[in-house]
Amino acid sequence: MNMKTTIAGVEFKNPIIAASGTFGFGREYNSFYDVGKLGGISSKGLTLLPRQGNLPVRIAETPSGMLNSVGLQNPGVEYFIENELPFMKSLNTVVIANAAGASESDYVRIVEILSESDVDMIELNISCPNVKKGGMAFGVDPDGVEQIVKAVRKACKKPLIVKLTPNVSDITKNALAAERAGADAISLINTVAAMAVDYKKRKPVLGVVTGGLSGPAIKPIALRMVYECYKAVKIPIIGMGGIVSGKDAFEFMLCGASAVQVGTANIFDPFASVTILNELTNLCESDNITDVRTLIGGLSVD
């Protein structure tokens, strides 16, 4: 059975990718199993300079999900290239660098730096606050998406994935804007804006009040948005949002995903990604599927 999938000319040994922000740079998880078994790893979100992230509390459990407001804590792109990338490349899996910024010039510069490195692909995180627009995320309107992707595309020498936020009225408009501006693929969805309250203290649970909701609670939203984008764009889609089983991955591919990213599941089960891979493989075998790519967009809506 063929479990390989191809996105923007890059071949993945299978469709399971560890999602940015939930897998570090793979070191910790590699002590549990050979993470080279996975199709790929998307790095922790990277910025030009090191970031300490937000003040605590930064993580909160919610029914069927998790809230986070980590704030892109990371060692900076130069440290990543010198100290983490060689290890990631040794794992024999696709290495995706997740790039973030606070301004257009930030994004362009970090992509220029990453383009000269050994990463296989770059994933543009456009859910970051745009400091020049009062903190509104780059990816909340089609014009903003097209502007930032077009600027980055000129500097990017690697296949470019644009990660879309679900906190919009119509995600297909942003998907189409990313495609027009030169994205090679899109990934969706990022976390859903949310908050939690401690009724005893009468205070927000998170230190910065609001955060991003992930986990099984958002899976139905993610499936719908992947399906809508698959009908709208011609570039490949990487689906994510609440994937905790091989069945979930199967469903995302039916809705149009060429591959999937596993995020929150890694937090509560360090073996989650490889378990999901094994479950997906077994499901394909039991359904007599000889090529996993035949699942892509195979949803019957008649």
C-alpha atoms as a PDB file:
ATOM      1  CA  MET A   1       0.000   0.000   0.000  1.00  0.00           C
ATOM      2  CA  ASN A   2       1.269   3.457  -0.899  1.00  0.00           C
ATOM      3  CA  MET A   3       1.045   5.909   2.026  1.00  0.00           C
ATOM      4  CA  LYS A   4       3.037   8.633   0.263  1.00  0.00           C
ATOM      5  CA  THR A   5       1.586  12.032  -0.535  1.00  0.00           C
ATOM      6  CA  THR A   6       3.045  15.015  -2.381  1.00  0.00           C
ATOM      7  CA  ILE A   7       2.555  18.696  -1.585  1.00  0.00           C
ATOM      8  CA  ALA A   8       4.078  21.439  -3.745  1.00  0.00           C
ATOM      9  CA  GLY A   9       6.580  18.993  -5.201  1.00  0.00           C
ATOM     10  CA  VAL A  10       7.709  17.724  -1.793  1.00  0.00           C
ATOM     11  CA  GLU A  11       7.148  14.022  -1.166  1.00  0.00           C
ATOM     12  CA  PHE A  12       6.001  12.915   2.296  1.00  0.00           C
ATOM     13  CA  LYS A  13       6.406   9.271   3.262  1.00  0.00           C
ATOM     14  CA  ASN A  14       2.913   9.457   4.763  1.00  0.00           C
ATOM     15  CA  PRO A  15       0.279  12.181   5.388  1.00  0.00           C
ATOM     16  CA  ILE A  16       0.903  12.610   9.148  1.00  0.00           C
ATOM     17  CA  ILE A  17       2.735  15.814  10.155  1.00  0.00           C
ATOM     18  CA  ALA A  18       3.418  16.992  13.704  1.00  0.00           C
ATOM     19  CA  ALA A  19       1.874  20.444  14.051  1.00  0.00           C
ATOM     20  CA  SER A  20       3.735  23.611  14.925  1.00  0.00           C
ATOM     21  CA  GLY A  21       3.795  24.571  18.585  1.00  0.00           C
ATOM     22  CA  THR A  22       2.961  21.112  19.893  1.00  0.00           C
ATOM     23  CA  PHE A  23       6.082  19.155  18.987  1.00  0.00           C
ATOM     24  CA  GLY A  24       8.961  21.522  19.693  1.00  0.00           C
ATOM     25  CA  PHE A  25      11.714  20.541  17.294  1.00  0.00           C
ATOM     26  CA  GLY A  26      11.107  16.818  17.756  1.00  0.00           C
ATOM     27  CA  ARG A  27      13.783  16.119  20.357  1.00  0.00           C
ATOM     28  CA  GLU A  28      11.538  15.261  23.295  1.00  0.00           C
ATOM     29  CA  TYR A  29       9.210  13.065  21.264  1.00  0.00           C
ATOM     30  CA  ASN A  30      12.102  11.233  19.652  1.00  0.00           C
ATOM     31  CA  SER A  31      12.906   9.802  23.072  1.00  0.00           C
ATOM     32  CA  PHE A  32       9.526   8.014  22.954  1.00  0.00           C
ATOM     33  CA  TYR A  33       9.644   6.736  19.367  1.00  0.00           C
ATOM     34  CA  ASP A  34      11.441   7.294  16.067  1.00  0.00           C
ATOM     35  CA  VAL A  35       9.719  10.459  14.842  1.00  0.00           C
ATOM     36  CA  GLY A  36      11.309   9.818  11.473  1.00  0.00           C
ATOM     37  CA  LYS A  37       8.350   7.501  10.932  1.00  0.00           C
ATOM     38  CA  LEU A  38       6.138  10.570  10.487  1.00  0.00           C
ATOM     39  CA  GLY A  39       5.615  12.305   7.193  1.00  0.00           C
ATOM     40  CA  GLY A  40       6.928  15.608   8.518  1.00  0.00           C
ATOM     41  CA  ILE A  41       7.402  17.997  11.413  1.00  0.00           C
ATOM     42  CA  SER A  42       6.382  21.652  11.489  1.00  0.00           C
ATOM     43  CA  SER A  43       8.710  23.509  13.823  1.00  0.00           C
ATOM     44  CA  LYS A  44       7.800  25.679  16.766  1.00  0.00           C
ATOM     45  CA  GLY A  45       6.748  29.095  15.479  1.00  0.00           C
ATOM     46  CA  LEU A  46       9.933  31.046  14.744  1.00  0.00           C
ATOM     47  CA  THR A  47      10.584  34.780  14.971  1.00  0.00           C
ATOM     48  CA  LEU A  48      13.605  36.869  13.997  1.00  0.00           C
ATOM     49  CA  LEU A  49      14.694  37.325  17.617  1.00  0.00           C
ATOM     50  CA  PRO A  50      14.166  35.030  20.628  1.00  0.00           C
ATOM     51  CA  ARG A  51      10.853  35.450  22.434  1.00  0.00           C
ATOM     52  CA  GLN A  52       9.972  34.599  26.019  1.00  0.00           C
ATOM     53  CA  GLY A  53       6.265  34.427  25.249  1.00  0.00           C
ATOM     54  CA  ASN A  54       3.344  35.535  27.369  1.00  0.00           C
ATOM     55  CA  LEU A  55       3.089  35.638  31.141  1.00  0.00           C
ATOM     56  CA  PRO A  56       1.340  32.673  32.800  1.00  0.00           C
ATOM     57  CA  VAL A  57      -1.220  31.169  32.900  1.00  0.00           C
ATOM     58  CA  ARG A  58      -0.559  30.119  29.279  1.00  0.00           C
ATOM     59  CA  ILE A  59      -2.369  26.773  29.003  1.00  0.00           C
ATOM     60  CA  ALA A  60      -5.838  25.806  30.208  1.00  0.00           C
ATOM     61  CA  GLU A  61      -7.855  22.645  29.723  1.00  0.00           C
ATOM     62  CA  THR A  62     -11.446  23.006  28.518  1.00  0.00           C
ATOM     63  CA  PRO A  63     -14.130  20.419  27.708  1.00  0.00           C
ATOM     64  CA  SER A  64     -12.867  18.468  24.671  1.00  0.00           C
ATOM     65  CA  GLY A  65     -10.098  20.973  24.083  1.00  0.00           C
ATOM     66  CA  MET A  66      -7.248  23.166  25.220  1.00  0.00           C
ATOM     67  CA  LEU A  67      -6.710  26.918  25.382  1.00  0.00           C
ATOM     68  CA  ASN A  68      -3.255  28.320  24.824  1.00  0.00           C
ATOM     69  CA  SER A  69      -1.691  31.762  24.909  1.00  0.00           C
ATOM     70  CA  VAL A  70       1.963  30.761  24.834  1.00  0.00           C
ATOM     71  CA  GLY A  71       2.865  33.805  22.781  1.00  0.00           C
ATOM     72  CA  LEU A  72       5.310  32.252  20.319  1.00  0.00           C
ATOM     73  CA  GLN A  73       8.041  31.487  22.832  1.00  0.00           C
ATOM     74  CA  ASN A  74      11.008  30.385  20.725  1.00  0.00           C
ATOM     75  CA  PRO A  75      14.820  30.698  20.539  1.00  0.00           C
ATOM     76  CA  GLY A  76      14.849  32.773  17.333  1.00  0.00           C
ATOM     77  CA  VAL A  77      15.513  31.773  13.743  1.00  0.00           C
ATOM     78  CA  GLU A  78      19.319  31.918  13.877  1.00  0.00           C
ATOM     79  CA  TYR A  79      19.466  29.644  16.926  1.00  0.00           C
ATOM     80  CA  PHE A  80      17.044  27.289  15.213  1.00  0.00           C
ATOM     81  CA  ILE A  81      19.201  27.009  12.102  1.00  0.00           C
ATOM     82  CA  GLU A  82      22.407  26.474  14.060  1.00  0.00           C
ATOM     83  CA  ASN A  83      21.189  24.214  16.864  1.00  0.00           C
ATOM     84  CA  GLU A  84      17.846  22.581  16.019  1.00  0.00           C
ATOM     85  CA  LEU A  85      17.691  22.211  12.253  1.00  0.00           C
ATOM     86  CA  PRO A  86      20.639  19.760  11.983  1.00  0.00           C
ATOM     87  CA  PHE A  87      18.874  17.435  14.422  1.00  0.00           C
ATOM     88  CA  MET A  88      15.549  17.737  12.585  1.00  0.00           C
ATOM     89  CA  LYS A  89      17.226  16.970   9.248  1.00  0.00           C
ATOM     90  CA  SER A  90      18.796  13.857  10.780  1.00  0.00           C
ATOM     91  CA  LEU A  91      15.330  12.422  11.397  1.00  0.00           C
ATOM     92  CA  ASN A  92      14.775  11.634   7.709  1.00  0.00           C
ATOM     93  CA  THR A  93      11.402  13.336   7.517  1.00  0.00           C
ATOM     94  CA  VAL A  94      10.130  16.521   5.871  1.00  0.00           C
ATOM     95  CA  VAL A  95      11.142  19.605   7.871  1.00  0.00           C
ATOM     96  CA  ILE A  96       8.730  22.526   7.757  1.00  0.00           C
ATOM     97  CA  ALA A  97       9.797  25.827   9.357  1.00  0.00           C
ATOM     98  CA  ASN A  98       6.888  27.794  10.800  1.00  0.00           C
ATOM     99  CA  ALA A  99       7.594  31.523  10.392  1.00  0.00           C
ATOM    100  CA  ALA A 100       5.950  34.349  12.347  1.00  0.00           C
ATOM    101  CA  GLY A 101       6.356  38.115  12.551  1.00  0.00           C
ATOM    102  CA  ALA A 102       4.964  41.393  13.810  1.00  0.00           C
ATOM    103  CA  SER A 103       5.391  43.333  10.566  1.00  0.00           C
ATOM    104  CA  GLU A 104       5.713  42.698   6.861  1.00  0.00           C
ATOM    105  CA  SER A 105       9.449  43.351   7.010  1.00  0.00           C
ATOM    106  CA  ASP A 106       9.762  40.773   9.819  1.00  0.00           C
ATOM    107  CA  TYR A 107       8.109  38.127   7.684  1.00  0.00           C
ATOM    108  CA  VAL A 108      10.169  38.920   4.619  1.00  0.00           C
ATOM    109  CA  ARG A 109      13.449  38.838   6.530  1.00  0.00           C
ATOM    110  CA  ILE A 110      12.769  35.571   8.359  1.00  0.00           C
ATOM    111  CA  VAL A 111      11.707  33.905   5.118  1.00  0.00           C
ATOM    112  CA  GLU A 112      14.883  35.164   3.426  1.00  0.00           C
ATOM    113  CA  ILE A 113      16.943  33.577   6.200  1.00  0.00           C
ATOM    114  CA  LEU A 114      15.033  30.298   6.152  1.00  0.00           C
ATOM    115  CA  SER A 115      15.249  30.142   2.357  1.00  0.00           C
ATOM    116  CA  GLU A 116      19.026  29.871   2.627  1.00  0.00           C
ATOM    117  CA  SER A 117      18.788  27.003   5.142  1.00  0.00           C
ATOM    118  CA  ASP A 118      18.138  23.277   4.732  1.00  0.00           C
ATOM    119  CA  VAL A 119      14.434  23.380   5.623  1.00  0.00           C
ATOM    120  CA  ASP A 120      12.230  21.636   3.082  1.00  0.00           C
ATOM    121  CA  MET A 121       9.236  23.979   3.297  1.00  0.00           C
ATOM    122  CA  ILE A 122       8.135  27.180   5.024  1.00  0.00           C
ATOM    123  CA  GLU A 123       4.774  27.547   6.749  1.00  0.00           C
ATOM    124  CA  LEU A 124       3.693  31.159   7.106  1.00  0.00           C
ATOM    125  CA  ASN A 125       1.797  31.825  10.327  1.00  0.00           C
ATOM    126  CA  ILE A 126      -0.392  34.803   9.459  1.00  0.00           C
ATOM    127  CA  SER A 127      -2.436  34.650  12.657  1.00  0.00           C
ATOM    128  CA  CYS A 128       0.149  36.903  14.314  1.00  0.00           C
ATOM    129  CA  PRO A 129      -0.853  40.431  15.442  1.00  0.00           C
ATOM    130  CA  ASN A 130       0.142  43.137  12.962  1.00  0.00           C
ATOM    131  CA  VAL A 131       1.698  45.854  15.124  1.00  0.00           C
ATOM    132  CA  LYS A 132       1.144  48.468  12.419  1.00  0.00           C
ATOM    133  CA  LYS A 133      -2.602  47.802  12.373  1.00  0.00           C
ATOM    134  CA  GLY A 134      -3.313  47.946  16.068  1.00  0.00           C
ATOM    135  CA  GLY A 135      -2.773  44.252  16.723  1.00  0.00           C
ATOM    136  CA  MET A 136      -5.236  42.909  14.147  1.00  0.00           C
ATOM    137  CA  ALA A 137      -3.971  39.621  12.758  1.00  0.00           C
ATOM    138  CA  PHE A 138      -2.488  39.671   9.242  1.00  0.00           C
ATOM    139  CA  GLY A 139      -4.748  36.841   8.133  1.00  0.00           C
ATOM    140  CA  VAL A 140      -8.200  38.144   9.062  1.00  0.00           C
ATOM    141  CA  ASP A 141      -9.055  39.799   5.745  1.00  0.00           C
ATOM    142  CA  PRO A 142      -8.302  38.805   2.125  1.00  0.00           C
ATOM    143  CA  ASP A 143      -6.432  42.024   1.328  1.00  0.00           C
ATOM    144  CA  GLY A 144      -4.120  41.512   4.288  1.00  0.00           C
ATOM    145  CA  VAL A 145      -3.522  37.891   3.327  1.00  0.00           C
ATOM    146  CA  GLU A 146      -2.733  38.782  -0.271  1.00  0.00           C
ATOM    147  CA  GLN A 147      -0.404  41.600   0.717  1.00  0.00           C
ATOM    148  CA  ILE A 148       1.706  39.613   3.174  1.00  0.00           C
ATOM    149  CA  VAL A 149       1.864  36.475   1.025  1.00  0.00           C
ATOM    150  CA  LYS A 150       2.811  38.467  -2.083  1.00  0.00           C
ATOM    151  CA  ALA A 151       5.627  40.216  -0.183  1.00  0.00           C
ATOM    152  CA  VAL A 152       6.922  36.943   1.253  1.00  0.00           C
ATOM    153  CA  ARG A 153       6.613  35.073  -2.043  1.00  0.00           C
ATOM    154  CA  LYS A 154       9.205  37.356  -3.640  1.00  0.00           C
ATOM    155  CA  ALA A 155      11.707  36.435  -0.934  1.00  0.00           C
ATOM    156  CA  CYS A 156      10.839  32.756  -0.572  1.00  0.00           C
ATOM    157  CA  LYS A 157      12.941  30.156  -2.352  1.00  0.00           C
ATOM    158  CA  LYS A 158      11.217  27.218  -0.672  1.00  0.00           C
ATOM    159  CA  PRO A 159       7.717  25.773  -1.163  1.00  0.00           C
ATOM    160  CA  LEU A 160       5.413  28.120   0.746  1.00  0.00           C
ATOM    161  CA  ILE A 161       2.504  26.968   2.904  1.00  0.00           C
ATOM    162  CA  VAL A 162       0.164  29.644   4.269  1.00  0.00           C
ATOM    163  CA  LYS A 163      -1.527  28.771   7.564  1.00  0.00           C
ATOM    164  CA  LEU A 164      -5.023  30.226   7.741  1.00  0.00           C
ATOM    165  CA  THR A 165      -6.937  31.448  10.777  1.00  0.00           C
ATOM    166  CA  PRO A 166     -10.545  30.308  11.284  1.00  0.00           C
ATOM    167  CA  ASN A 167     -11.445  33.609  12.956  1.00  0.00           C
ATOM    168  CA  VAL A 168     -12.985  35.042   9.792  1.00  0.00           C
ATOM    169  CA  SER A 169     -16.421  35.255   8.180  1.00  0.00           C
ATOM    170  CA  ASP A 170     -15.463  33.316   5.013  1.00  0.00           C
ATOM    171  CA  ILE A 171     -12.193  31.368   5.024  1.00  0.00           C
ATOM    172  CA  THR A 172     -12.445  30.614   1.299  1.00  0.00           C
ATOM    173  CA  LYS A 173     -11.830  34.276   0.472  1.00  0.00           C
ATOM    174  CA  ASN A 174      -8.560  34.163   2.392  1.00  0.00           C
ATOM    175  CA  ALA A 175      -7.629  30.838   0.823  1.00  0.00           C
ATOM    176  CA  LEU A 176      -8.176  32.292  -2.643  1.00  0.00           C
ATOM    177  CA  ALA A 177      -6.165  35.393  -1.688  1.00  0.00           C
ATOM    178  CA  ALA A 178      -3.257  33.212  -0.573  1.00  0.00           C
ATOM    179  CA  GLU A 179      -3.451  31.246  -3.820  1.00  0.00           C
ATOM    180  CA  ARG A 180      -3.496  34.418  -5.943  1.00  0.00           C
ATOM    181  CA  ALA A 181      -0.484  35.767  -4.091  1.00  0.00           C
ATOM    182  CA  GLY A 182       1.604  32.703  -4.823  1.00  0.00           C
ATOM    183  CA  ALA A 183       1.112  30.226  -1.981  1.00  0.00           C
ATOM    184  CA  ASP A 184       2.061  26.682  -2.966  1.00  0.00           C
ATOM    185  CA  ALA A 185      -0.280  25.188  -0.349  1.00  0.00           C
ATOM    186  CA  ILE A 186      -2.476  26.209   2.563  1.00  0.00           C
ATOM    187  CA  SER A 187      -2.825  24.708   6.028  1.00  0.00           C
ATOM    188  CA  LEU A 188      -5.935  25.064   8.162  1.00  0.00           C
ATOM    189  CA  ILE A 189      -7.216  25.652  10.679  1.00  0.00           C
ATOM    190  CA  ASN A 190      -5.234  27.529  13.269  1.00  0.00           C
ATOM    191  CA  THR A 191      -6.792  27.889  16.731  1.00  0.00           C
ATOM    192  CA  VAL A 192     -10.209  29.426  17.357  1.00  0.00           C
ATOM    193  CA  ALA A 193     -10.275  32.609  19.464  1.00  0.00           C
ATOM    194  CA  ALA A 194     -11.690  31.767  22.889  1.00  0.00           C
ATOM    195  CA  MET A 195     -11.398  32.273  26.637  1.00  0.00           C
ATOM    196  CA  ALA A 196     -12.012  30.599  29.988  1.00  0.00           C
ATOM    197  CA  VAL A 197     -13.193  32.100  33.278  1.00  0.00           C
ATOM    198  CA  ASP A 198     -12.447  31.133  36.879  1.00  0.00           C
ATOM    199  CA  TYR A 199     -15.798  31.818  38.535  1.00  0.00           C
ATOM    200  CA  LYS A 200     -14.356  31.618  42.045  1.00  0.00           C
ATOM    201  CA  LYS A 201     -11.723  34.278  41.405  1.00  0.00           C
ATOM    202  CA  ARG A 202     -13.984  36.141  38.966  1.00  0.00           C
ATOM    203  CA  LYS A 203     -11.018  36.395  36.647  1.00  0.00           C
ATOM    204  CA  PRO A 204      -9.978  35.043  33.259  1.00  0.00           C
ATOM    205  CA  VAL A 205      -8.004  31.798  33.499  1.00  0.00           C
ATOM    206  CA  LEU A 206      -5.370  32.857  30.973  1.00  0.00           C
ATOM    207  CA  GLY A 207      -2.865  35.527  31.873  1.00  0.00           C
ATOM    208  CA  VAL A 208      -3.600  37.536  28.735  1.00  0.00           C
ATOM    209  CA  VAL A 209      -7.368  36.939  29.009  1.00  0.00           C
ATOM    210  CA  THR A 210      -7.980  35.250  25.640  1.00  0.00           C
ATOM    211  CA  GLY A 211      -6.219  32.525  23.712  1.00  0.00           C
ATOM    212  CA  GLY A 212      -6.617  29.927  21.022  1.00  0.00           C
ATOM    213  CA  LEU A 213      -8.875  26.884  21.337  1.00  0.00           C
ATOM    214  CA  SER A 214      -7.648  23.607  19.865  1.00  0.00           C
ATOM    215  CA  GLY A 215      -8.423  19.923  20.266  1.00  0.00           C
ATOM    216  CA  PRO A 216     -11.469  17.764  19.425  1.00  0.00           C
ATOM    217  CA  ALA A 217     -13.862  20.633  20.201  1.00  0.00           C
ATOM    218  CA  ILE A 218     -12.887  22.392  16.969  1.00  0.00           C
ATOM    219  CA  LYS A 219     -12.793  19.375  14.652  1.00  0.00           C
ATOM    220  CA  PRO A 220     -16.268  19.935  13.095  1.00  0.00           C
ATOM    221  CA  ILE A 221     -15.312  23.549  12.329  1.00  0.00           C
ATOM    222  CA  ALA A 222     -12.025  22.448  10.790  1.00  0.00           C
ATOM    223  CA  LEU A 223     -13.626  19.750   8.639  1.00  0.00           C
ATOM    224  CA  ARG A 224     -16.133  22.250   7.269  1.00  0.00           C
ATOM    225  CA  MET A 225     -13.455  24.799   6.442  1.00  0.00           C
ATOM    226  CA  VAL A 226     -11.164  22.247   4.768  1.00  0.00           C
ATOM    227  CA  TYR A 227     -14.108  21.051   2.670  1.00  0.00           C
ATOM    228  CA  GLU A 228     -15.032  24.608   1.651  1.00  0.00           C
ATOM    229  CA  CYS A 229     -11.455  25.494   0.740  1.00  0.00           C
ATOM    230  CA  TYR A 230     -10.988  22.291  -1.246  1.00  0.00           C
ATOM    231  CA  LYS A 231     -13.894  23.337  -3.443  1.00  0.00           C
ATOM    232  CA  ALA A 232     -12.476  26.853  -3.832  1.00  0.00           C
ATOM    233  CA  VAL A 233      -8.739  26.484  -4.509  1.00  0.00           C
ATOM    234  CA  LYS A 234      -6.517  24.362  -6.715  1.00  0.00           C
ATOM    235  CA  ILE A 235      -3.456  24.255  -4.436  1.00  0.00           C
ATOM    236  CA  PRO A 236      -2.999  21.426  -1.899  1.00  0.00           C
ATOM    237  CA  ILE A 237      -4.458  21.639   1.598  1.00  0.00           C
ATOM    238  CA  ILE A 238      -2.988  20.425   4.872  1.00  0.00           C
ATOM    239  CA  GLY A 239      -5.832  19.890   7.330  1.00  0.00           C
ATOM    240  CA  MET A 240      -5.721  20.185  11.106  1.00  0.00           C
ATOM    241  CA  GLY A 241      -7.966  20.769  14.076  1.00  0.00           C
ATOM    242  CA  GLY A 242      -8.853  18.170  16.687  1.00  0.00           C
ATOM    243  CA  ILE A 243      -7.268  15.135  15.022  1.00  0.00           C
ATOM    244  CA  VAL A 244      -6.784  12.410  17.647  1.00  0.00           C
ATOM    245  CA  SER A 245      -7.282   9.194  15.654  1.00  0.00           C
ATOM    246  CA  GLY A 246      -6.698   7.588  12.298  1.00  0.00           C
ATOM    247  CA  LYS A 247     -10.418   7.951  11.616  1.00  0.00           C
ATOM    248  CA  ASP A 248     -10.106  11.716  12.079  1.00  0.00           C
ATOM    249  CA  ALA A 249      -7.215  11.848   9.600  1.00  0.00           C
ATOM    250  CA  PHE A 250      -9.242   9.744   7.145  1.00  0.00           C
ATOM    251  CA  GLU A 251     -12.150  12.208   7.410  1.00  0.00           C
ATOM    252  CA  PHE A 252      -9.937  15.245   6.793  1.00  0.00           C
ATOM    253  CA  MET A 253      -8.528  13.639   3.654  1.00  0.00           C
ATOM    254  CA  LEU A 254     -12.023  12.856   2.394  1.00  0.00           C
ATOM    255  CA  CYS A 255     -12.841  16.553   2.853  1.00  0.00           C
ATOM    256  CA  GLY A 256      -9.881  17.496   0.647  1.00  0.00           C
ATOM    257  CA  ALA A 257      -6.703  17.440   2.725  1.00  0.00           C
ATOM    258  CA  SER A 258      -3.587  16.035   1.060  1.00  0.00           C
ATOM    259  CA  ALA A 259      -2.022  15.623   4.508  1.00  0.00           C
ATOM    260  CA  VAL A 260      -2.905  16.421   8.108  1.00  0.00           C
ATOM    261  CA  GLN A 261      -1.195  17.978  11.093  1.00  0.00           C
ATOM    262  CA  VAL A 262      -1.576  16.545  14.588  1.00  0.00           C
ATOM    263  CA  GLY A 263      -1.380  19.138  17.341  1.00  0.00           C
ATOM    264  CA  THR A 264      -3.095  19.034  20.733  1.00  0.00           C
ATOM    265  CA  ALA A 265      -3.158  15.227  20.759  1.00  0.00           C
ATOM    266  CA  ASN A 266       0.643  15.319  21.153  1.00  0.00           C
ATOM    267  CA  ILE A 267       0.219  17.237  24.408  1.00  0.00           C
ATOM    268  CA  PHE A 268      -1.855  14.593  26.168  1.00  0.00           C
ATOM    269  CA  ASP A 269      -0.314  11.562  24.438  1.00  0.00           C
ATOM    270  CA  PRO A 270       3.326  11.694  23.300  1.00  0.00           C
ATOM    271  CA  PHE A 271       2.693   8.694  21.016  1.00  0.00           C
ATOM    272  CA  ALA A 272      -0.345  10.303  19.361  1.00  0.00           C
ATOM    273  CA  SER A 273       1.129  11.092  15.939  1.00  0.00           C
ATOM    274  CA  VAL A 274       2.613   7.660  15.329  1.00  0.00           C
ATOM    275  CA  THR A 275      -0.524   5.987  16.702  1.00  0.00           C
ATOM    276  CA  ILE A 276      -2.668   8.016  14.293  1.00  0.00           C
ATOM    277  CA  LEU A 277      -0.368   6.978  11.443  1.00  0.00           C
ATOM    278  CA  ASN A 278      -0.746   3.296  12.356  1.00  0.00           C
ATOM    279  CA  GLU A 279      -4.515   3.631  12.681  1.00  0.00           C
ATOM    280  CA  LEU A 280      -4.828   5.379   9.322  1.00  0.00           C
ATOM    281  CA  THR A 281      -2.709   2.684   7.685  1.00  0.00           C
ATOM    282  CA  ASN A 282      -4.874  -0.050   9.202  1.00  0.00           C
ATOM    283  CA  LEU A 283      -8.069   1.698   8.082  1.00  0.00           C
ATOM    284  CA  CYS A 284      -6.776   1.905   4.530  1.00  0.00           C
ATOM    285  CA  GLU A 285      -5.833  -1.773   4.570  1.00  0.00           C
ATOM    286  CA  SER A 286      -9.235  -2.804   5.924  1.00  0.00           C
ATOM    287  CA  ASP A 287     -10.935  -0.763   3.164  1.00  0.00           C
ATOM    288  CA  ASN A 288      -8.666  -2.277   0.469  1.00  0.00           C
ATOM    289  CA  ILE A 289      -7.219   1.151  -0.330  1.00  0.00           C
ATOM    290  CA  THR A 290      -3.933   0.719  -2.187  1.00  0.00           C
ATOM    291  CA  ASP A 291      -3.013   4.418  -2.402  1.00  0.00           C
ATOM    292  CA  VAL A 292      -3.836   6.857   0.406  1.00  0.00           C
ATOM    293  CA  ARG A 293      -4.029   9.719  -2.095  1.00  0.00           C
ATOM    294  CA  THR A 294      -7.273   8.291  -3.475  1.00  0.00           C
ATOM    295  CA  LEU A 295      -8.919   9.513  -0.266  1.00  0.00           C
ATOM    296  CA  ILE A 296      -8.271  13.186  -1.087  1.00  0.00           C
ATOM    297  CA  GLY A 297     -11.552  14.924  -1.816  1.00  0.00           C
ATOM    298  CA  GLY A 298     -13.410  11.624  -1.877  1.00  0.00           C
ATOM    299  CA  LEU A 299     -16.354  12.798   0.182  1.00  0.00           C
ATOM    300  CA  SER A 300     -19.709  11.857  -1.337  1.00  0.00           C
ATOM    301  CA  VAL A 301     -22.266  14.671  -0.951  1.00  0.00           C
ATOM    302  CA  ASP A 302     -24.938  13.406  -3.355  1.00  0.00           C
END
